[in-house]
């Protein structure tokens, strides 16, 4: 009987210890994503959105972007779709643009941050994610996502001018003709000789 009691206590103890052991969560394979318009006009701004696929809980993240500083200028950035996420964005002299964001709570998100760029020149610019992390050491995040944007001249502005209206008014009324009945007398010219008459 004592042996049976010890076996039961041993089994219960092992079950209890197994509950205390941390459960290992399966690591996720995620890809860094980038979305941007296919075309942008010179002197205009456009938005680039960075994130991860598939959508999963994200507490912190970092991205490093590479782009041509001669064609594009970073203007502003903001965390999107992640409540309470904040961080720092720093600009390198010749790209790369690096950002680190974190939040105290975990949020399931796929679109993390929106960045605004200004087009400086016409051409073709590629923005590439060269490094990315979602803050989970067990996760593998594939960088390398890129987007090529065609940078075009601004659309020509058309100016419409309206010519002033000209109004011609023609007044018609009765026409009166008056004949003169005043007699005229012709006198000889004192400077003329009578033979020239």
Protein backbone atom coordinates (compact mmCIF):
# COMPACT_ATOMS: atom_id res chain seq x y z
CA UNK A 1 0.00 0.00 0.00
CA UNK A 2 2.82 2.36 0.83
CA UNK A 3 4.34 1.76 -2.57
CA UNK A 4 1.10 2.59 -4.30
CA UNK A 5 0.85 5.81 -2.30
CA UNK A 6 4.38 6.80 -3.33
CA UNK A 7 3.68 6.07 -6.98
CA UNK A 8 0.55 8.23 -6.92
CA UNK A 9 2.41 11.07 -5.22
CA UNK A 10 5.23 10.77 -7.74
CA UNK A 11 2.82 10.93 -10.70
CA UNK A 12 0.96 13.92 -9.23
CA UNK A 13 4.28 15.65 -8.53
CA UNK A 14 5.48 15.10 -12.09
CA UNK A 15 2.20 16.45 -13.48
CA UNK A 16 2.50 19.48 -11.24
CA UNK A 17 6.08 20.12 -12.34
CA UNK A 18 5.11 19.80 -15.99
CA UNK A 19 2.57 22.58 -15.50
CA UNK A 20 5.24 24.86 -14.08
CA UNK A 21 7.61 24.37 -16.99
CA UNK A 22 7.29 27.14 -19.60
CA UNK A 23 5.61 26.20 -22.80
CA UNK A 24 7.71 26.88 -25.81
CA UNK A 25 5.85 28.92 -28.41
CA UNK A 26 6.48 28.04 -32.00
CA UNK A 27 8.66 30.56 -33.76
CA UNK A 28 7.17 32.45 -36.67
CA UNK A 29 8.73 33.05 -40.03
CA UNK A 30 7.81 36.57 -41.09
CA UNK A 31 8.75 38.74 -44.02
CA UNK A 32 9.32 42.47 -43.96
CA UNK A 33 6.86 44.18 -46.31
CA UNK A 34 6.92 47.53 -48.07
CA UNK A 35 4.17 49.27 -50.02
CA UNK A 36 4.39 52.50 -52.01
CA UNK A 37 2.86 53.98 -55.16
CA UNK A 38 4.24 52.90 -58.54
CA UNK A 39 4.66 56.55 -59.59
CA UNK A 40 5.22 59.92 -57.88
CA UNK A 41 5.62 63.46 -59.23
CA UNK A 42 8.62 65.74 -58.69
CA UNK A 43 8.22 68.13 -55.72
CA UNK A 44 5.32 66.03 -54.35
CA UNK A 45 5.29 63.72 -51.31
CA UNK A 46 4.23 60.09 -51.19
CA UNK A 47 3.75 57.50 -48.43
CA UNK A 48 5.69 54.28 -47.88
CA UNK A 49 4.24 51.73 -45.44
CA UNK A 50 6.43 49.11 -43.72
CA UNK A 51 5.23 46.02 -41.93
CA UNK A 52 5.42 42.26 -41.55
CA UNK A 53 3.67 39.31 -43.12
CA UNK A 54 1.91 37.35 -41.71
CA UNK A 55 0.10 39.51 -39.19
CA UNK A 56 1.20 38.63 -35.65
CA UNK A 57 1.69 40.13 -32.19
CA UNK A 58 4.38 42.79 -32.33
CA UNK A 59 5.84 44.57 -29.30
CA UNK A 60 8.82 46.16 -30.94
CA UNK A 61 10.38 46.34 -34.34
CA UNK A 62 13.21 47.87 -36.25
CA UNK A 63 13.72 48.52 -39.93
CA UNK A 64 16.64 49.80 -41.97
CA UNK A 65 15.88 51.26 -45.39
CA UNK A 66 18.19 52.11 -48.24
CA UNK A 67 17.31 54.59 -51.01
CA UNK A 68 18.93 57.23 -53.23
CA UNK A 69 19.22 60.54 -51.34
CA UNK A 70 19.72 62.37 -54.65
CA UNK A 71 16.19 61.39 -55.74
CA UNK A 72 14.24 61.15 -52.47
CA UNK A 73 14.15 63.05 -49.18
CA UNK A 74 12.67 61.62 -45.99
CA UNK A 75 10.03 64.04 -44.62
CA UNK A 76 8.12 62.40 -41.72
CA UNK A 77 7.06 59.12 -40.14
CA UNK A 78 4.34 57.82 -37.85
CA UNK A 79 3.37 54.47 -36.31
CA UNK A 80 0.19 53.15 -37.84
CA UNK A 81 -2.21 50.40 -36.76
CA UNK A 82 -0.29 49.88 -33.51
CA UNK A 83 -1.80 51.62 -30.50
CA UNK A 84 0.79 53.13 -28.18
CA UNK A 85 3.78 52.36 -30.39
CA UNK A 86 6.44 55.03 -30.43
CA UNK A 87 10.08 55.22 -31.28
CA UNK A 88 12.90 56.97 -33.02
CA UNK A 89 13.68 57.50 -36.69
CA UNK A 90 17.16 58.61 -37.63
CA UNK A 91 18.42 59.74 -40.99
CA UNK A 92 21.82 58.80 -42.30
CA UNK A 93 23.76 61.13 -44.58
CA UNK A 94 23.43 58.83 -47.60
CA UNK A 95 20.51 56.72 -46.51
CA UNK A 96 20.21 54.27 -44.72
CA UNK A 97 17.18 55.35 -42.74
CA UNK A 98 16.87 53.39 -39.48
CA UNK A 99 13.95 53.22 -37.11
CA UNK A 100 13.27 51.45 -33.82
CA UNK A 101 9.71 51.31 -32.49
CA UNK A 102 8.26 49.71 -29.38
CA UNK A 103 5.06 49.49 -27.38
CA UNK A 104 4.34 48.34 -23.83
CA UNK A 105 1.43 46.23 -24.96
CA UNK A 106 1.45 43.61 -27.66
CA UNK A 107 -0.60 44.35 -30.77
CA UNK A 108 -1.37 42.11 -33.70
CA UNK A 109 -0.30 44.12 -36.71
CA UNK A 110 0.93 43.76 -40.24
CA UNK A 111 1.33 47.43 -41.18
CA UNK A 112 3.61 49.05 -38.62
CA UNK A 113 4.85 52.44 -39.80
CA UNK A 114 4.13 55.01 -42.52
CA UNK A 115 6.91 57.22 -43.87
CA UNK A 116 6.63 60.26 -46.13
CA UNK A 117 9.21 61.00 -48.82
CA UNK A 118 9.54 64.00 -51.14
CA UNK A 119 10.57 63.55 -54.78
CA UNK A 120 13.65 65.69 -55.55
CA UNK A 121 14.37 64.70 -59.17
CA UNK A 122 12.89 62.70 -62.01
CA UNK A 123 14.13 59.14 -62.43
CA UNK A 124 13.56 55.73 -60.89
CA UNK A 125 14.12 55.19 -57.15
CA UNK A 126 14.19 51.90 -55.27
CA UNK A 127 13.46 51.80 -51.54
CA UNK A 128 14.75 48.55 -50.01
CA UNK A 129 14.39 47.03 -46.53
CA UNK A 130 17.97 45.92 -45.79
CA UNK A 131 17.33 44.76 -42.20
CA UNK A 132 14.23 44.10 -40.10
CA UNK A 133 13.25 42.57 -36.77
CA UNK A 134 9.91 42.16 -35.03
CA UNK A 135 11.35 42.04 -31.50
CA UNK A 136 10.90 38.29 -31.01
CA UNK A 137 14.28 36.54 -30.88
CA UNK A 138 12.76 33.20 -31.84
CA UNK A 139 11.20 34.66 -34.99
CA UNK A 140 13.00 34.78 -38.29
CA UNK A 141 12.31 37.94 -40.29
CA UNK A 142 13.32 38.03 -43.93
CA UNK A 143 14.47 41.45 -45.14
CA UNK A 144 15.05 42.35 -48.77
CA UNK A 145 11.59 43.62 -49.67
CA UNK A 146 11.83 46.55 -52.07
CA UNK A 147 9.67 48.89 -54.10
CA UNK A 148 10.70 50.81 -57.22
CA UNK A 149 8.94 54.11 -57.83
CA UNK A 150 8.95 55.96 -61.15
CA UNK A 151 9.63 59.64 -60.47
CA UNK A 152 8.03 61.81 -63.13
CA UNK A 153 7.75 65.49 -64.03
CA UNK A 154 4.84 67.34 -62.48
CA UNK A 155 1.68 67.35 -64.54
CA UNK A 156 1.47 70.46 -66.72
CA UNK A 157 -0.83 73.08 -65.37
CA UNK A 158 -3.40 74.45 -67.76
CA UNK A 159 -4.55 78.01 -67.43
CA UNK A 160 -7.94 78.91 -68.79
CA UNK A 161 -8.39 82.54 -69.74
CA UNK A 162 -11.72 84.03 -70.65
CA UNK A 163 -11.82 86.91 -73.10
CA UNK A 164 -13.93 89.89 -72.04
CA UNK A 165 -17.35 90.03 -73.63
CA UNK A 166 -17.86 92.80 -76.19
CA UNK A 167 -21.37 94.07 -76.68
CA UNK A 168 -22.22 96.08 -79.81
CA UNK A 169 -25.35 98.14 -79.69
CA UNK A 170 -26.84 99.40 -82.93
CA UNK A 171 -29.43 102.06 -82.61
CA UNK A 172 -31.78 102.62 -85.49
CA UNK A 173 -34.27 105.37 -85.68
CA UNK A 174 -36.06 107.49 -88.24
CA UNK A 175 -33.77 109.40 -90.60
CA UNK A 176 -34.71 112.98 -91.44
CA UNK A 177 -33.38 114.79 -94.50
CA UNK A 178 -33.69 118.55 -94.57
CA UNK A 179 -33.18 120.60 -97.69
CA UNK A 180 -31.60 124.03 -97.36
CA UNK A 181 -33.45 126.91 -98.94
CA UNK A 182 -30.88 129.54 -98.20
CA UNK A 183 -29.83 131.41 -101.37
CA UNK A 184 -26.14 131.56 -102.08
CA UNK A 185 -24.41 134.37 -103.83
CA UNK A 186 -21.10 133.98 -105.57
CA UNK A 187 -18.85 137.01 -105.58
CA UNK A 188 -15.82 137.42 -107.76
CA UNK A 189 -12.48 136.71 -106.18
CA UNK A 190 -10.62 139.97 -105.77
CA UNK A 191 -7.28 138.26 -106.39
CA UNK A 192 -8.38 136.84 -109.71
CA UNK A 193 -8.03 138.62 -112.93
CA UNK A 194 -11.25 139.01 -114.92
CA UNK A 195 -9.68 137.14 -117.85
CA UNK A 196 -9.29 133.98 -115.70
CA UNK A 197 -12.99 133.74 -115.04
